[in-house]
Amino acid sequence: MNELRGERLQVMLSPEELAAVDDFRFKHRMPTRAAAVREMLKLGLAAIGIDAKAGVKSSDYGVFDRGPSGHVDES
């Protein structure tokens, strides 16, 4: 799977939240915390009816109308 991950997201967690991430990670045999967080995000989005499969752009869920290049559509 060739995915571009050019953005870094820093999240501060409480000890309890970090324990929940680690519990999920180990229960599902995930290689990293980052992989576990990505999977939990995907599951959370699916729970509210958003398909977050590979190839779906984050701009599809944005607040602002974006043009084809990802910039604000000025038309």
N, C-alpha and C. Protein backbone atom coordinates (compact mmCIF):
# COMPACT_ATOMS: atom_id res chain seq x y z
N MET A 1 0.85 -1.17 0.00
CA MET A 1 0.00 0.00 0.00
C MET A 1 0.89 1.23 0.00
N ASN A 2 0.80 2.05 -1.02
CA ASN A 2 1.63 3.24 -1.15
C ASN A 2 0.81 4.47 -0.81
N GLU A 3 0.89 4.91 0.44
CA GLU A 3 0.14 6.07 0.89
C GLU A 3 1.09 7.21 1.19
N LEU A 4 0.73 8.40 0.78
CA LEU A 4 1.51 9.57 1.15
C LEU A 4 1.04 10.06 2.51
N ARG A 5 1.96 10.29 3.38
CA ARG A 5 1.63 10.82 4.69
C ARG A 5 2.53 12.03 4.92
N GLY A 6 2.21 13.12 4.25
CA GLY A 6 3.04 14.31 4.31
C GLY A 6 2.72 15.25 5.45
N GLU A 7 1.66 14.97 6.17
CA GLU A 7 1.27 15.86 7.26
C GLU A 7 1.49 15.18 8.60
N ARG A 8 2.00 15.95 9.52
CA ARG A 8 2.20 15.45 10.88
C ARG A 8 1.15 16.11 11.77
N LEU A 9 0.54 15.32 12.63
CA LEU A 9 -0.47 15.81 13.56
C LEU A 9 -0.02 15.46 14.97
N GLN A 10 0.17 16.48 15.78
CA GLN A 10 0.58 16.24 17.16
C GLN A 10 -0.64 16.33 18.05
N VAL A 11 -0.83 15.34 18.90
CA VAL A 11 -1.98 15.29 19.80
C VAL A 11 -1.48 15.02 21.20
N MET A 12 -1.93 15.81 22.13
CA MET A 12 -1.58 15.60 23.53
C MET A 12 -2.66 14.71 24.15
N LEU A 13 -2.25 13.65 24.86
CA LEU A 13 -3.19 12.71 25.46
C LEU A 13 -2.95 12.60 26.95
N SER A 14 -4.02 12.34 27.67
CA SER A 14 -3.90 12.04 29.10
C SER A 14 -3.34 10.62 29.23
N PRO A 15 -2.85 10.26 30.40
CA PRO A 15 -2.36 8.88 30.58
C PRO A 15 -3.45 7.84 30.27
N GLU A 16 -4.70 8.14 30.63
CA GLU A 16 -5.80 7.20 30.37
C GLU A 16 -6.06 7.06 28.86
N GLU A 17 -6.00 8.18 28.14
CA GLU A 17 -6.21 8.12 26.68
C GLU A 17 -5.09 7.35 26.01
N LEU A 18 -3.86 7.58 26.45
CA LEU A 18 -2.73 6.86 25.86
C LEU A 18 -2.84 5.36 26.16
N ALA A 19 -3.29 5.02 27.36
CA ALA A 19 -3.48 3.61 27.70
C ALA A 19 -4.54 2.99 26.79
N ALA A 20 -5.60 3.74 26.48
CA ALA A 20 -6.65 3.22 25.59
C ALA A 20 -6.10 2.99 24.18
N VAL A 21 -5.26 3.91 23.70
CA VAL A 21 -4.62 3.74 22.38
C VAL A 21 -3.74 2.49 22.39
N ASP A 22 -2.94 2.35 23.44
CA ASP A 22 -2.05 1.19 23.52
C ASP A 22 -2.83 -0.11 23.65
N ASP A 23 -3.89 -0.11 24.44
CA ASP A 23 -4.73 -1.31 24.57
C ASP A 23 -5.30 -1.72 23.21
N PHE A 24 -5.83 -0.74 22.47
CA PHE A 24 -6.38 -1.00 21.13
C PHE A 24 -5.27 -1.55 20.23
N ARG A 25 -4.12 -0.89 20.27
CA ARG A 25 -3.00 -1.29 19.43
C ARG A 25 -2.61 -2.74 19.67
N PHE A 26 -2.42 -3.12 20.92
CA PHE A 26 -1.96 -4.47 21.22
C PHE A 26 -3.06 -5.50 20.96
N LYS A 27 -4.30 -5.15 21.27
CA LYS A 27 -5.42 -6.08 21.03
C LYS A 27 -5.55 -6.40 19.54
N HIS A 28 -5.29 -5.39 18.69
CA HIS A 28 -5.43 -5.58 17.24
C HIS A 28 -4.10 -5.82 16.54
N ARG A 29 -3.05 -6.06 17.35
CA ARG A 29 -1.71 -6.37 16.82
C ARG A 29 -1.22 -5.37 15.79
N MET A 30 -1.34 -4.11 16.14
CA MET A 30 -0.93 -3.04 15.23
C MET A 30 0.54 -2.71 15.51
N PRO A 31 1.29 -2.36 14.48
CA PRO A 31 2.74 -2.18 14.66
C PRO A 31 3.12 -0.91 15.42
N THR A 32 2.32 0.14 15.32
CA THR A 32 2.69 1.42 15.94
C THR A 32 1.46 2.11 16.52
N ARG A 33 1.72 3.08 17.39
CA ARG A 33 0.62 3.91 17.90
C ARG A 33 -0.03 4.69 16.77
N ALA A 34 0.78 5.17 15.84
CA ALA A 34 0.24 5.94 14.72
C ALA A 34 -0.75 5.09 13.91
N ALA A 35 -0.40 3.83 13.65
CA ALA A 35 -1.29 2.95 12.92
C ALA A 35 -2.59 2.73 13.69
N ALA A 36 -2.47 2.60 15.01
CA ALA A 36 -3.66 2.41 15.84
C ALA A 36 -4.55 3.64 15.80
N VAL A 37 -3.96 4.80 15.89
CA VAL A 37 -4.75 6.04 15.85
C VAL A 37 -5.43 6.20 14.50
N ARG A 38 -4.71 5.92 13.40
CA ARG A 38 -5.33 6.00 12.07
C ARG A 38 -6.51 5.05 11.97
N GLU A 39 -6.37 3.82 12.50
CA GLU A 39 -7.46 2.85 12.44
C GLU A 39 -8.64 3.31 13.30
N MET A 40 -8.36 3.86 14.46
CA MET A 40 -9.45 4.35 15.31
C MET A 40 -10.17 5.53 14.66
N LEU A 41 -9.43 6.40 13.98
CA LEU A 41 -10.07 7.49 13.25
C LEU A 41 -10.98 6.95 12.14
N LYS A 42 -10.47 5.96 11.41
CA LYS A 42 -11.26 5.35 10.33
C LYS A 42 -12.53 4.71 10.89
N LEU A 43 -12.40 4.00 12.01
CA LEU A 43 -13.57 3.37 12.63
C LEU A 43 -14.56 4.41 13.15
N GLY A 44 -14.05 5.48 13.73
CA GLY A 44 -14.92 6.54 14.23
C GLY A 44 -15.68 7.22 13.11
N LEU A 45 -15.00 7.49 12.00
CA LEU A 45 -15.67 8.10 10.85
C LEU A 45 -16.71 7.16 10.28
N ALA A 46 -16.39 5.87 10.20
CA ALA A 46 -17.36 4.89 9.69
C ALA A 46 -18.59 4.84 10.58
N ALA A 47 -18.40 5.02 11.89
CA ALA A 47 -19.53 4.96 12.83
C ALA A 47 -20.53 6.08 12.59
N ILE A 48 -20.06 7.18 12.01
CA ILE A 48 -20.98 8.28 11.71
C ILE A 48 -21.31 8.36 10.22
N GLY A 49 -20.97 7.29 9.50
CA GLY A 49 -21.38 7.18 8.11
C GLY A 49 -20.45 7.78 7.09
N ILE A 50 -19.20 8.02 7.45
CA ILE A 50 -18.23 8.56 6.51
C ILE A 50 -17.25 7.46 6.12
N ASP A 51 -17.12 7.23 4.82
CA ASP A 51 -16.20 6.21 4.32
C ASP A 51 -14.82 6.83 4.20
N ALA A 52 -13.89 6.38 5.01
CA ALA A 52 -12.55 6.93 5.03
C ALA A 52 -11.54 5.97 4.41
N LYS A 53 -11.97 5.26 3.39
CA LYS A 53 -11.06 4.31 2.74
C LYS A 53 -9.94 5.06 2.03
N ALA A 54 -8.92 4.32 1.66
CA ALA A 54 -7.80 4.93 0.94
C ALA A 54 -8.31 5.60 -0.32
N GLY A 55 -7.77 6.73 -0.62
CA GLY A 55 -8.16 7.47 -1.81
C GLY A 55 -9.16 8.57 -1.54
N VAL A 56 -9.78 8.56 -0.37
CA VAL A 56 -10.69 9.64 0.00
C VAL A 56 -9.84 10.78 0.50
N LYS A 57 -10.04 11.96 -0.06
CA LYS A 57 -9.24 13.11 0.31
C LYS A 57 -9.84 13.81 1.52
N SER A 58 -8.97 14.28 2.39
CA SER A 58 -9.46 15.01 3.56
C SER A 58 -10.23 16.25 3.13
N SER A 59 -9.90 16.82 1.97
CA SER A 59 -10.62 18.00 1.51
C SER A 59 -12.08 17.69 1.17
N ASP A 60 -12.41 16.40 0.98
CA ASP A 60 -13.80 16.01 0.75
C ASP A 60 -14.66 16.27 1.98
N TYR A 61 -14.02 16.40 3.14
CA TYR A 61 -14.74 16.61 4.39
C TYR A 61 -14.53 18.01 4.93
N GLY A 62 -13.96 18.89 4.13
CA GLY A 62 -13.63 20.23 4.59
C GLY A 62 -14.84 21.14 4.74
N VAL A 63 -14.60 22.24 5.40
CA VAL A 63 -15.63 23.24 5.62
C VAL A 63 -15.72 24.18 4.43
N PHE A 64 -14.60 24.47 3.82
CA PHE A 64 -14.55 25.44 2.73
C PHE A 64 -14.62 24.75 1.38
N ASP A 65 -15.21 25.44 0.40
CA ASP A 65 -15.27 24.92 -0.96
C ASP A 65 -13.88 25.01 -1.57
N ARG A 66 -13.35 23.90 -2.04
CA ARG A 66 -12.01 23.86 -2.59
C ARG A 66 -12.07 23.53 -4.08
N GLY A 67 -11.15 24.11 -4.81
CA GLY A 67 -11.04 23.82 -6.23
C GLY A 67 -10.31 22.52 -6.44
N PRO A 68 -10.13 22.11 -7.70
CA PRO A 68 -9.51 20.82 -8.01
C PRO A 68 -8.06 20.70 -7.51
N SER A 69 -7.38 21.81 -7.37
CA SER A 69 -5.99 21.74 -6.90
C SER A 69 -5.90 21.81 -5.38
N GLY A 70 -7.04 21.91 -4.71
CA GLY A 70 -7.03 21.94 -3.27
C GLY A 70 -7.06 23.35 -2.69
N HIS A 71 -6.95 24.33 -3.58
CA HIS A 71 -6.99 25.72 -3.12
C HIS A 71 -8.42 26.24 -3.15
N VAL A 72 -8.64 27.32 -2.43
CA VAL A 72 -9.99 27.91 -2.39
C VAL A 72 -10.43 28.26 -3.80
N ASP A 73 -11.62 27.84 -4.15
CA ASP A 73 -12.20 28.12 -5.47
C ASP A 73 -12.67 29.56 -5.47
N GLU A 74 -12.04 30.38 -6.30
CA GLU A 74 -12.36 31.81 -6.33
C GLU A 74 -13.35 32.17 -7.41
N SER A 75 -14.05 31.21 -7.97
CA SER A 75 -15.01 31.52 -9.04
C SER A 75 -16.31 32.08 -8.49
